[in-house]
Amino acid sequence: MERVGVLDQNEGGLSPTSLVAQNASLIRAALQGNRGMMVSRWG
């Protein structure tokens, strides 16, 4: 169950351990609060 995803860091993915020490409530809020429609193509 570690490092779940499809894009490895060697393939352009982000650091696999970058969220381990982060506040879980902040990450949950950032993901749940996003409705999915963004103004920016690059965003």
PDB file of all heavy atoms in Angstrom:
ATOM      1  N   MET A   1       0.821  -1.207   0.000  1.00  0.00           N
ATOM      2  CA  MET A   1       0.000   0.000   0.000  1.00  0.00           C
ATOM      3  C   MET A   1       0.858   1.261   0.000  1.00  0.00           C
ATOM      4  O   MET A   1       0.338   2.364   0.136  1.00  0.00           O
ATOM      5  CB  MET A   1      -0.916   0.000   1.220  1.00  0.00           C
ATOM      6  CG  MET A   1      -1.906  -1.155   1.242  1.00  0.00           C
ATOM      7  SD  MET A   1      -3.215  -0.953   0.046  1.00  0.00           S
ATOM      8  CE  MET A   1      -4.212   0.282   0.876  1.00  0.00           C
ATOM      9  N   GLU A   2       2.154   1.110  -0.143  1.00  0.00           N
ATOM     10  CA  GLU A   2       3.042   2.264  -0.191  1.00  0.00           C
ATOM     11  C   GLU A   2       3.208   2.745  -1.630  1.00  0.00           C
ATOM     12  O   GLU A   2       3.143   1.962  -2.575  1.00  0.00           O
ATOM     13  CB  GLU A   2       4.414   1.903   0.388  1.00  0.00           C
ATOM     14  CG  GLU A   2       4.378   1.517   1.865  1.00  0.00           C
ATOM     15  CD  GLU A   2       5.745   1.136   2.381  1.00  0.00           C
ATOM     16  OE1 GLU A   2       6.669   1.011   1.542  1.00  0.00           O
ATOM     17  OE2 GLU A   2       5.889   0.950   3.602  1.00  0.00           O
ATOM     18  N   ARG A   3       3.389   4.040  -1.776  1.00  0.00           N
ATOM     19  CA  ARG A   3       3.677   4.665  -3.074  1.00  0.00           C
ATOM     20  C   ARG A   3       2.669   4.253  -4.146  1.00  0.00           C
ATOM     21  O   ARG A   3       3.016   3.721  -5.201  1.00  0.00           O
ATOM     22  CB  ARG A   3       5.103   4.354  -3.519  1.00  0.00           C
ATOM     23  CG  ARG A   3       6.136   4.829  -2.511  1.00  0.00           C
ATOM     24  CD  ARG A   3       7.540   4.844  -3.039  1.00  0.00           C
ATOM     25  NE  ARG A   3       8.457   5.394  -2.040  1.00  0.00           N
ATOM     26  CZ  ARG A   3       9.747   5.622  -2.230  1.00  0.00           C
ATOM     27  NH1 ARG A   3      10.278   5.341  -3.409  1.00  0.00           N
ATOM     28  NH2 ARG A   3      10.491   6.133  -1.281  1.00  0.00           N
ATOM     29  N   VAL A   4       1.419   4.506  -3.850  1.00  0.00           N
ATOM     30  CA  VAL A   4       0.344   4.179  -4.782  1.00  0.00           C
ATOM     31  C   VAL A   4       0.269   5.267  -5.849  1.00  0.00           C
ATOM     32  O   VAL A   4       0.272   6.462  -5.540  1.00  0.00           O
ATOM     33  CB  VAL A   4      -0.996   4.052  -4.042  1.00  0.00           C
ATOM     34  CG1 VAL A   4      -2.131   3.818  -5.027  1.00  0.00           C
ATOM     35  CG2 VAL A   4      -0.917   2.921  -3.029  1.00  0.00           C
ATOM     36  N   GLY A   5       0.196   4.866  -7.100  1.00  0.00           N
ATOM     37  CA  GLY A   5       0.091   5.823  -8.196  1.00  0.00           C
ATOM     38  C   GLY A   5       0.540   5.190  -9.492  1.00  0.00           C
ATOM     39  O   GLY A   5       0.882   4.005  -9.552  1.00  0.00           O
ATOM     40  N   VAL A   6       0.552   5.985 -10.543  1.00  0.00           N
ATOM     41  CA  VAL A   6       0.920   5.476 -11.867  1.00  0.00           C
ATOM     42  C   VAL A   6       2.094   6.234 -12.481  1.00  0.00           C
ATOM     43  O   VAL A   6       2.599   5.835 -13.522  1.00  0.00           O
ATOM     44  CB  VAL A   6      -0.289   5.550 -12.826  1.00  0.00           C
ATOM     45  CG1 VAL A   6      -1.394   4.635 -12.354  1.00  0.00           C
ATOM     46  CG2 VAL A   6      -0.824   6.968 -12.965  1.00  0.00           C
ATOM     47  N   LEU A   7       2.528   7.320 -11.847  1.00  0.00           N
ATOM     48  CA  LEU A   7       3.596   8.147 -12.414  1.00  0.00           C
ATOM     49  C   LEU A   7       4.754   8.191 -11.429  1.00  0.00           C
ATOM     50  O   LEU A   7       4.675   8.840 -10.379  1.00  0.00           O
ATOM     51  CB  LEU A   7       3.070   9.553 -12.703  1.00  0.00           C
ATOM     52  CG  LEU A   7       3.952  10.473 -13.557  1.00  0.00           C
ATOM     53  CD1 LEU A   7       4.157   9.898 -14.943  1.00  0.00           C
ATOM     54  CD2 LEU A   7       3.331  11.865 -13.665  1.00  0.00           C
ATOM     55  N   ASP A   8       5.816   7.501 -11.759  1.00  0.00           N
ATOM     56  CA  ASP A   8       6.984   7.460 -10.886  1.00  0.00           C
ATOM     57  C   ASP A   8       7.760   8.767 -10.968  1.00  0.00           C
ATOM     58  O   ASP A   8       7.642   9.530 -11.939  1.00  0.00           O
ATOM     59  CB  ASP A   8       7.882   6.291 -11.284  1.00  0.00           C
ATOM     60  CG  ASP A   8       8.962   6.021 -10.263  1.00  0.00           C
ATOM     61  OD1 ASP A   8       8.646   5.449  -9.209  1.00  0.00           O
ATOM     62  OD2 ASP A   8      10.128   6.390 -10.518  1.00  0.00           O
ATOM     63  N   GLN A   9       8.563   9.018  -9.949  1.00  0.00           N
ATOM     64  CA  GLN A   9       9.351  10.251  -9.931  1.00  0.00           C
ATOM     65  C   GLN A   9      10.306  10.306 -11.111  1.00  0.00           C
ATOM     66  O   GLN A   9      10.576  11.382 -11.661  1.00  0.00           O
ATOM     67  CB  GLN A   9      10.125  10.357  -8.616  1.00  0.00           C
ATOM     68  CG  GLN A   9      10.783  11.717  -8.389  1.00  0.00           C
ATOM     69  CD  GLN A   9      11.385  11.848  -7.006  1.00  0.00           C
ATOM     70  OE1 GLN A   9      11.529  10.865  -6.280  1.00  0.00           O
ATOM     71  NE2 GLN A   9      11.737  13.055  -6.612  1.00  0.00           N
ATOM     72  N   ASN A  10      10.812   9.156 -11.556  1.00  0.00           N
ATOM     73  CA  ASN A  10      11.704   9.120 -12.715  1.00  0.00           C
ATOM     74  C   ASN A  10      10.973   9.433 -14.017  1.00  0.00           C
ATOM     75  O   ASN A  10      11.605   9.706 -15.035  1.00  0.00           O
ATOM     76  CB  ASN A  10      12.371   7.751 -12.825  1.00  0.00           C
ATOM     77  CG  ASN A  10      13.269   7.452 -11.643  1.00  0.00           C
ATOM     78  OD1 ASN A  10      13.850   8.360 -11.060  1.00  0.00           O
ATOM     79  ND2 ASN A  10      13.382   6.177 -11.282  1.00  0.00           N
ATOM     80  N   GLU A  11       9.638   9.371 -13.985  1.00  0.00           N
ATOM     81  CA  GLU A  11       8.827   9.629 -15.182  1.00  0.00           C
ATOM     82  C   GLU A  11       8.163  10.995 -15.147  1.00  0.00           C
ATOM     83  O   GLU A  11       7.296  11.287 -15.960  1.00  0.00           O
ATOM     84  CB  GLU A  11       7.748   8.543 -15.299  1.00  0.00           C
ATOM     85  CG  GLU A  11       8.308   7.138 -15.387  1.00  0.00           C
ATOM     86  CD  GLU A  11       7.254   6.068 -15.193  1.00  0.00           C
ATOM     87  OE1 GLU A  11       6.272   6.332 -14.472  1.00  0.00           O
ATOM     88  OE2 GLU A  11       7.410   4.987 -15.767  1.00  0.00           O
ATOM     89  N   GLY A  12       8.569  11.838 -14.207  1.00  0.00           N
ATOM     90  CA  GLY A  12       7.985  13.164 -14.095  1.00  0.00           C
ATOM     91  C   GLY A  12       7.049  13.338 -12.924  1.00  0.00           C
ATOM     92  O   GLY A  12       6.477  14.421 -12.734  1.00  0.00           O
ATOM     93  N   GLY A  13       6.859  12.287 -12.134  1.00  0.00           N
ATOM     94  CA  GLY A  13       6.015  12.397 -10.952  1.00  0.00           C
ATOM     95  C   GLY A  13       6.695  13.188  -9.844  1.00  0.00           C
ATOM     96  O   GLY A  13       7.894  13.460  -9.894  1.00  0.00           O
ATOM     97  N   LEU A  14       5.916  13.531  -8.832  1.00  0.00           N
ATOM     98  CA  LEU A  14       6.443  14.296  -7.707  1.00  0.00           C
ATOM     99  C   LEU A  14       7.025  13.359  -6.658  1.00  0.00           C
ATOM    100  O   LEU A  14       6.869  12.137  -6.732  1.00  0.00           O
ATOM    101  CB  LEU A  14       5.343  15.171  -7.118  1.00  0.00           C
ATOM    102  CG  LEU A  14       4.708  16.158  -8.116  1.00  0.00           C
ATOM    103  CD1 LEU A  14       3.652  17.016  -7.440  1.00  0.00           C
ATOM    104  CD2 LEU A  14       5.769  17.038  -8.771  1.00  0.00           C
ATOM    105  N   SER A  15       7.689  13.918  -5.671  1.00  0.00           N
ATOM    106  CA  SER A  15       8.400  13.130  -4.669  1.00  0.00           C
ATOM    107  C   SER A  15       7.435  12.213  -3.919  1.00  0.00           C
ATOM    108  O   SER A  15       6.411  12.671  -3.396  1.00  0.00           O
ATOM    109  CB  SER A  15       9.101  14.055  -3.671  1.00  0.00           C
ATOM    110  OG  SER A  15       9.641  13.314  -2.591  1.00  0.00           O
ATOM    111  N   PRO A  16       7.742  10.915  -3.811  1.00  0.00           N
ATOM    112  CA  PRO A  16       6.799   9.981  -3.181  1.00  0.00           C
ATOM    113  C   PRO A  16       6.609  10.203  -1.690  1.00  0.00           C
ATOM    114  O   PRO A  16       5.576   9.834  -1.134  1.00  0.00           O
ATOM    115  CB  PRO A  16       7.419   8.609  -3.469  1.00  0.00           C
ATOM    116  CG  PRO A  16       8.852   8.880  -3.720  1.00  0.00           C
ATOM    117  CD  PRO A  16       8.926  10.233  -4.353  1.00  0.00           C
ATOM    118  N   THR A  17       7.574  10.780  -1.020  1.00  0.00           N
ATOM    119  CA  THR A  17       7.482  10.960   0.430  1.00  0.00           C
ATOM    120  C   THR A  17       7.085  12.380   0.820  1.00  0.00           C
ATOM    121  O   THR A  17       7.145  12.734   1.988  1.00  0.00           O
ATOM    122  CB  THR A  17       8.834  10.622   1.075  1.00  0.00           C
ATOM    123  OG1 THR A  17       9.861  11.481   0.531  1.00  0.00           O
ATOM    124  CG2 THR A  17       9.209   9.169   0.816  1.00  0.00           C
ATOM    125  N   SER A  18       6.653  13.184  -0.134  1.00  0.00           N
ATOM    126  CA  SER A  18       6.426  14.603   0.135  1.00  0.00           C
ATOM    127  C   SER A  18       5.234  14.878   1.030  1.00  0.00           C
ATOM    128  O   SER A  18       5.134  15.970   1.600  1.00  0.00           O
ATOM    129  CB  SER A  18       6.242  15.352  -1.190  1.00  0.00           C
ATOM    130  OG  SER A  18       5.207  14.754  -1.960  1.00  0.00           O
ATOM    131  N   LEU A  19       4.328  13.907   1.192  1.00  0.00           N
ATOM    132  CA  LEU A  19       3.130  14.150   2.003  1.00  0.00           C
ATOM    133  C   LEU A  19       3.125  13.367   3.304  1.00  0.00           C
ATOM    134  O   LEU A  19       2.179  13.493   4.088  1.00  0.00           O
ATOM    135  CB  LEU A  19       1.872  13.789   1.201  1.00  0.00           C
ATOM    136  CG  LEU A  19       1.623  14.584  -0.082  1.00  0.00           C
ATOM    137  CD1 LEU A  19       0.332  14.125  -0.741  1.00  0.00           C
ATOM    138  CD2 LEU A  19       1.558  16.077   0.202  1.00  0.00           C
ATOM    139  N   VAL A  20       4.148  12.560   3.551  1.00  0.00           N
ATOM    140  CA  VAL A  20       4.139  11.688   4.725  1.00  0.00           C
ATOM    141  C   VAL A  20       4.017  12.481   6.014  1.00  0.00           C
ATOM    142  O   VAL A  20       3.248  12.124   6.912  1.00  0.00           O
ATOM    143  CB  VAL A  20       5.409  10.812   4.736  1.00  0.00           C
ATOM    144  CG1 VAL A  20       5.495  10.014   6.033  1.00  0.00           C
ATOM    145  CG2 VAL A  20       5.413   9.868   3.546  1.00  0.00           C
ATOM    146  N   ALA A  21       4.767  13.569   6.136  1.00  0.00           N
ATOM    147  CA  ALA A  21       4.783  14.344   7.381  1.00  0.00           C
ATOM    148  C   ALA A  21       3.782  15.490   7.373  1.00  0.00           C
ATOM    149  O   ALA A  21       3.780  16.311   8.303  1.00  0.00           O
ATOM    150  CB  ALA A  21       6.194  14.890   7.626  1.00  0.00           C
ATOM    151  N   GLN A  22       2.922  15.558   6.369  1.00  0.00           N
ATOM    152  CA  GLN A  22       1.989  16.673   6.272  1.00  0.00           C
ATOM    153  C   GLN A  22       0.729  16.426   7.099  1.00  0.00           C
ATOM    154  O   GLN A  22       0.365  15.296   7.412  1.00  0.00           O
ATOM    155  CB  GLN A  22       1.608  16.905   4.811  1.00  0.00           C
ATOM    156  CG  GLN A  22       2.766  17.317   3.932  1.00  0.00           C
ATOM    157  CD  GLN A  22       3.479  18.557   4.439  1.00  0.00           C
ATOM    158  OE1 GLN A  22       2.840  19.567   4.747  1.00  0.00           O
ATOM    159  NE2 GLN A  22       4.797  18.486   4.548  1.00  0.00           N
ATOM    160  N   ASN A  23       0.078  17.526   7.416  1.00  0.00           N
ATOM    161  CA  ASN A  23      -1.188  17.469   8.149  1.00  0.00           C
ATOM    162  C   ASN A  23      -2.242  16.801   7.278  1.00  0.00           C
ATOM    163  O   ASN A  23      -2.591  17.304   6.218  1.00  0.00           O
ATOM    164  CB  ASN A  23      -1.618  18.892   8.536  1.00  0.00           C
ATOM    165  CG  ASN A  23      -2.833  18.899   9.432  1.00  0.00           C
ATOM    166  OD1 ASN A  23      -3.642  17.975   9.423  1.00  0.00           O
ATOM    167  ND2 ASN A  23      -2.960  19.945  10.224  1.00  0.00           N
ATOM    168  N   ALA A  24      -2.765  15.669   7.734  1.00  0.00           N
ATOM    169  CA  ALA A  24      -3.745  14.930   6.941  1.00  0.00           C
ATOM    170  C   ALA A  24      -5.014  15.734   6.716  1.00  0.00           C
ATOM    171  O   ALA A  24      -5.647  15.622   5.661  1.00  0.00           O
ATOM    172  CB  ALA A  24      -4.082  13.606   7.629  1.00  0.00           C
ATOM    173  N   SER A  25      -5.395  16.565   7.673  1.00  0.00           N
ATOM    174  CA  SER A  25      -6.612  17.377   7.521  1.00  0.00           C
ATOM    175  C   SER A  25      -6.451  18.394   6.407  1.00  0.00           C
ATOM    176  O   SER A  25      -7.398  18.657   5.649  1.00  0.00           O
ATOM    177  CB  SER A  25      -6.934  18.081   8.846  1.00  0.00           C
ATOM    178  OG  SER A  25      -7.178  17.140   9.871  1.00  0.00           O
ATOM    179  N   LEU A  26      -5.257  18.968   6.267  1.00  0.00           N
ATOM    180  CA  LEU A  26      -5.008  19.934   5.198  1.00  0.00           C
ATOM    181  C   LEU A  26      -5.074  19.251   3.831  1.00  0.00           C
ATOM    182  O   LEU A  26      -5.701  19.774   2.894  1.00  0.00           O
ATOM    183  CB  LEU A  26      -3.635  20.581   5.393  1.00  0.00           C
ATOM    184  CG  LEU A  26      -3.149  21.489   4.259  1.00  0.00           C
ATOM    185  CD1 LEU A  26      -4.049  22.709   4.125  1.00  0.00           C
ATOM    186  CD2 LEU A  26      -1.700  21.914   4.479  1.00  0.00           C
ATOM    187  N   ILE A  27      -4.455  18.079   3.709  1.00  0.00           N
ATOM    188  CA  ILE A  27      -4.471  17.368   2.431  1.00  0.00           C
ATOM    189  C   ILE A  27      -5.888  16.948   2.077  1.00  0.00           C
ATOM    190  O   ILE A  27      -6.322  17.071   0.923  1.00  0.00           O
ATOM    191  CB  ILE A  27      -3.534  16.156   2.487  1.00  0.00           C
ATOM    192  CG1 ILE A  27      -2.107  16.590   2.870  1.00  0.00           C
ATOM    193  CG2 ILE A  27      -3.533  15.420   1.165  1.00  0.00           C
ATOM    194  CD1 ILE A  27      -1.500  17.634   1.949  1.00  0.00           C
ATOM    195  N   ARG A  28      -6.625  16.458   3.057  1.00  0.00           N
ATOM    196  CA  ARG A  28      -8.012  16.060   2.807  1.00  0.00           C
ATOM    197  C   ARG A  28      -8.846  17.255   2.353  1.00  0.00           C
ATOM    198  O   ARG A  28      -9.645  17.153   1.419  1.00  0.00           O
ATOM    199  CB  ARG A  28      -8.608  15.437   4.066  1.00  0.00           C
ATOM    200  CG  ARG A  28     -10.032  14.930   3.889  1.00  0.00           C
ATOM    201  CD  ARG A  28     -10.550  14.333   5.182  1.00  0.00           C
ATOM    202  NE  ARG A  28      -9.805  13.155   5.575  1.00  0.00           N
ATOM    203  CZ  ARG A  28     -10.065  11.933   5.130  1.00  0.00           C
ATOM    204  NH1 ARG A  28     -11.075  11.736   4.280  1.00  0.00           N
ATOM    205  NH2 ARG A  28      -9.361  10.908   5.534  1.00  0.00           N
ATOM    206  N   ALA A  29      -8.654  18.399   3.009  1.00  0.00           N
ATOM    207  CA  ALA A  29      -9.428  19.591   2.646  1.00  0.00           C
ATOM    208  C   ALA A  29      -9.085  20.064   1.241  1.00  0.00           C
ATOM    209  O   ALA A  29      -9.961  20.479   0.477  1.00  0.00           O
ATOM    210  CB  ALA A  29      -9.169  20.700   3.664  1.00  0.00           C
ATOM    211  N   ALA A  30      -7.794  19.998   0.874  1.00  0.00           N
ATOM    212  CA  ALA A  30      -7.379  20.434  -0.462  1.00  0.00           C
ATOM    213  C   ALA A  30      -7.969  19.541  -1.544  1.00  0.00           C
ATOM    214  O   ALA A  30      -8.296  20.013  -2.644  1.00  0.00           O
ATOM    215  CB  ALA A  30      -5.858  20.453  -0.556  1.00  0.00           C
ATOM    216  N   LEU A  31      -8.120  18.244  -1.260  1.00  0.00           N
ATOM    217  CA  LEU A  31      -8.651  17.312  -2.256  1.00  0.00           C
ATOM    218  C   LEU A  31     -10.174  17.331  -2.287  1.00  0.00           C
ATOM    219  O   LEU A  31     -10.788  17.360  -3.359  1.00  0.00           O
ATOM    220  CB  LEU A  31      -8.145  15.900  -1.957  1.00  0.00           C
ATOM    221  CG  LEU A  31      -6.630  15.687  -2.099  1.00  0.00           C
ATOM    222  CD1 LEU A  31      -6.232  14.303  -1.603  1.00  0.00           C
ATOM    223  CD2 LEU A  31      -6.189  15.871  -3.542  1.00  0.00           C
ATOM    224  N   GLN A  32     -10.802  17.310  -1.126  1.00  0.00           N
ATOM    225  CA  GLN A  32     -12.255  17.309  -1.087  1.00  0.00           C
ATOM    226  C   GLN A  32     -12.851  18.651  -1.511  1.00  0.00           C
ATOM    227  O   GLN A  32     -13.936  18.695  -2.086  1.00  0.00           O
ATOM    228  CB  GLN A  32     -12.751  16.961   0.317  1.00  0.00           C
ATOM    229  CG  GLN A  32     -12.606  15.500   0.689  1.00  0.00           C
ATOM    230  CD  GLN A  32     -13.181  15.207   2.053  1.00  0.00           C
ATOM    231  OE1 GLN A  32     -13.217  16.061   2.937  1.00  0.00           O
ATOM    232  NE2 GLN A  32     -13.615  13.965   2.264  1.00  0.00           N
ATOM    233  N   GLY A  33     -12.141  19.739  -1.233  1.00  0.00           N
ATOM    234  CA  GLY A  33     -12.674  21.054  -1.534  1.00  0.00           C
ATOM    235  C   GLY A  33     -12.568  21.466  -2.987  1.00  0.00           C
ATOM    236  O   GLY A  33     -13.124  22.495  -3.381  1.00  0.00           O
ATOM    237  N   ASN A  34     -11.863  20.684  -3.799  1.00  0.00           N
ATOM    238  CA  ASN A  34     -11.688  21.021  -5.212  1.00  0.00           C
ATOM    239  C   ASN A  34     -12.814  20.390  -6.020  1.00  0.00           C
ATOM    240  O   ASN A  34     -12.964  19.174  -6.049  1.00  0.00           O
ATOM    241  CB  ASN A  34     -10.330  20.519  -5.712  1.00  0.00           C
ATOM    242  CG  ASN A  34      -9.922  21.152  -7.017  1.00  0.00           C
ATOM    243  OD1 ASN A  34     -10.739  21.360  -7.907  1.00  0.00           O
ATOM    244  ND2 ASN A  34      -8.639  21.449  -7.153  1.00  0.00           N
ATOM    245  N   ARG A  35     -13.593  21.212  -6.709  1.00  0.00           N
ATOM    246  CA  ARG A  35     -14.725  20.721  -7.495  1.00  0.00           C
ATOM    247  C   ARG A  35     -14.296  20.177  -8.850  1.00  0.00           C
ATOM    248  O   ARG A  35     -15.120  19.630  -9.584  1.00  0.00           O
ATOM    249  CB  ARG A  35     -15.747  21.846  -7.681  1.00  0.00           C
ATOM    250  CG  ARG A  35     -16.364  22.331  -6.381  1.00  0.00           C
ATOM    251  CD  ARG A  35     -17.437  23.377  -6.629  1.00  0.00           C
ATOM    252  NE  ARG A  35     -16.895  24.556  -7.264  1.00  0.00           N
ATOM    253  CZ  ARG A  35     -16.331  25.571  -6.627  1.00  0.00           C
ATOM    254  NH1 ARG A  35     -16.213  25.532  -5.303  1.00  0.00           N
ATOM    255  NH2 ARG A  35     -15.863  26.621  -7.272  1.00  0.00           N
ATOM    256  N   GLY A  36     -13.036  20.361  -9.218  1.00  0.00           N
ATOM    257  CA  GLY A  36     -12.525  19.753 -10.433  1.00  0.00           C
ATOM    258  C   GLY A  36     -12.499  20.651 -11.654  1.00  0.00           C
ATOM    259  O   GLY A  36     -11.830  20.333 -12.639  1.00  0.00           O
ATOM    260  N   MET A  37     -13.202  21.754 -11.641  1.00  0.00           N
ATOM    261  CA  MET A  37     -13.215  22.683 -12.776  1.00  0.00           C
ATOM    262  C   MET A  37     -12.207  23.789 -12.504  1.00  0.00           C
ATOM    263  O   MET A  37     -12.330  24.532 -11.532  1.00  0.00           O
ATOM    264  CB  MET A  37     -14.607  23.273 -12.965  1.00  0.00           C
ATOM    265  CG  MET A  37     -15.663  22.262 -13.374  1.00  0.00           C
ATOM    266  SD  MET A  37     -15.397  21.647 -15.048  1.00  0.00           S
ATOM    267  CE  MET A  37     -15.636  23.148 -15.980  1.00  0.00           C
ATOM    268  N   MET A  38     -11.218  23.912 -13.395  1.00  0.00           N
ATOM    269  CA  MET A  38     -10.172  24.911 -13.200  1.00  0.00           C
ATOM    270  C   MET A  38     -10.092  25.848 -14.391  1.00  0.00           C
ATOM    271  O   MET A  38     -10.365  25.446 -15.523  1.00  0.00           O
ATOM    272  CB  MET A  38      -8.833  24.219 -12.960  1.00  0.00           C
ATOM    273  CG  MET A  38      -8.642  23.830 -11.509  1.00  0.00           C
ATOM    274  SD  MET A  38      -7.272  22.692 -11.274  1.00  0.00           S
ATOM    275  CE  MET A  38      -8.014  21.197 -11.878  1.00  0.00           C
ATOM    276  N   VAL A  39      -9.702  27.069 -14.104  1.00  0.00           N
ATOM    277  CA  VAL A  39      -9.650  28.081 -15.162  1.00  0.00           C
ATOM    278  C   VAL A  39      -8.452  27.871 -16.074  1.00  0.00           C
ATOM    279  O   VAL A  39      -8.452  28.305 -17.227  1.00  0.00           O
ATOM    280  CB  VAL A  39      -9.609  29.495 -14.547  1.00  0.00           C
ATOM    281  CG1 VAL A  39     -10.814  29.746 -13.675  1.00  0.00           C
ATOM    282  CG2 VAL A  39      -8.319  29.724 -13.742  1.00  0.00           C
ATOM    283  N   SER A  40      -7.425  27.213 -15.584  1.00  0.00           N
ATOM    284  CA  SER A  40      -6.155  27.128 -16.310  1.00  0.00           C
ATOM    285  C   SER A  40      -5.923  25.740 -16.884  1.00  0.00           C
ATOM    286  O   SER A  40      -6.052  24.730 -16.179  1.00  0.00           O
ATOM    287  CB  SER A  40      -4.993  27.486 -15.374  1.00  0.00           C
ATOM    288  OG  SER A  40      -3.740  27.193 -15.971  1.00  0.00           O
ATOM    289  N   ARG A  41      -5.581  25.694 -18.151  1.00  0.00           N
ATOM    290  CA  ARG A  41      -5.161  24.435 -18.783  1.00  0.00           C
ATOM    291  C   ARG A  41      -3.919  23.890 -18.104  1.00  0.00           C
ATOM    292  O   ARG A  41      -3.851  22.696 -17.771  1.00  0.00           O
ATOM    293  CB  ARG A  41      -4.904  24.686 -20.273  1.00  0.00           C
ATOM    294  CG  ARG A  41      -4.116  23.581 -20.966  1.00  0.00           C
ATOM    295  CD  ARG A  41      -3.856  23.916 -22.440  1.00  0.00           C
ATOM    296  NE  ARG A  41      -2.841  23.041 -23.008  1.00  0.00           N
ATOM    297  CZ  ARG A  41      -3.066  21.814 -23.461  1.00  0.00           C
ATOM    298  NH1 ARG A  41      -4.284  21.321 -23.402  1.00  0.00           N
ATOM    299  NH2 ARG A  41      -2.096  21.079 -23.971  1.00  0.00           N
ATOM    300  N   TRP A  42      -2.934  24.738 -17.860  1.00  0.00           N
ATOM    301  CA  TRP A  42      -1.696  24.286 -17.254  1.00  0.00           C
ATOM    302  C   TRP A  42      -1.885  23.945 -15.787  1.00  0.00           C
ATOM    303  O   TRP A  42      -1.184  23.075 -15.243  1.00  0.00           O
ATOM    304  CB  TRP A  42      -0.597  25.328 -17.442  1.00  0.00           C
ATOM    305  CG  TRP A  42      -0.058  25.317 -18.834  1.00  0.00           C
ATOM    306  CD1 TRP A  42      -0.326  26.202 -19.831  1.00  0.00           C
ATOM    307  CD2 TRP A  42       0.802  24.323 -19.404  1.00  0.00           C
ATOM    308  NE1 TRP A  42       0.321  25.837 -20.985  1.00  0.00           N
ATOM    309  CE2 TRP A  42       1.022  24.688 -20.752  1.00  0.00           C
ATOM    310  CE3 TRP A  42       1.405  23.184 -18.918  1.00  0.00           C
ATOM    311  CZ2 TRP A  42       1.832  23.939 -21.600  1.00  0.00           C
ATOM    312  CZ3 TRP A  42       2.202  22.424 -19.762  1.00  0.00           C
ATOM    313  CH2 TRP A  42       2.412  22.808 -21.084  1.00  0.00           C
ATOM    314  N   GLY A  43      -2.816  24.608 -15.120  1.00  0.00           N
ATOM    315  CA  GLY A  43      -3.140  24.226 -13.754  1.00  0.00           C
ATOM    316  C   GLY A  43      -3.745  22.833 -13.693  1.00  0.00           C
ATOM    317  O   GLY A  43      -3.443  22.042 -12.785  1.00  0.00           O
TER     318      GLY A  43
END
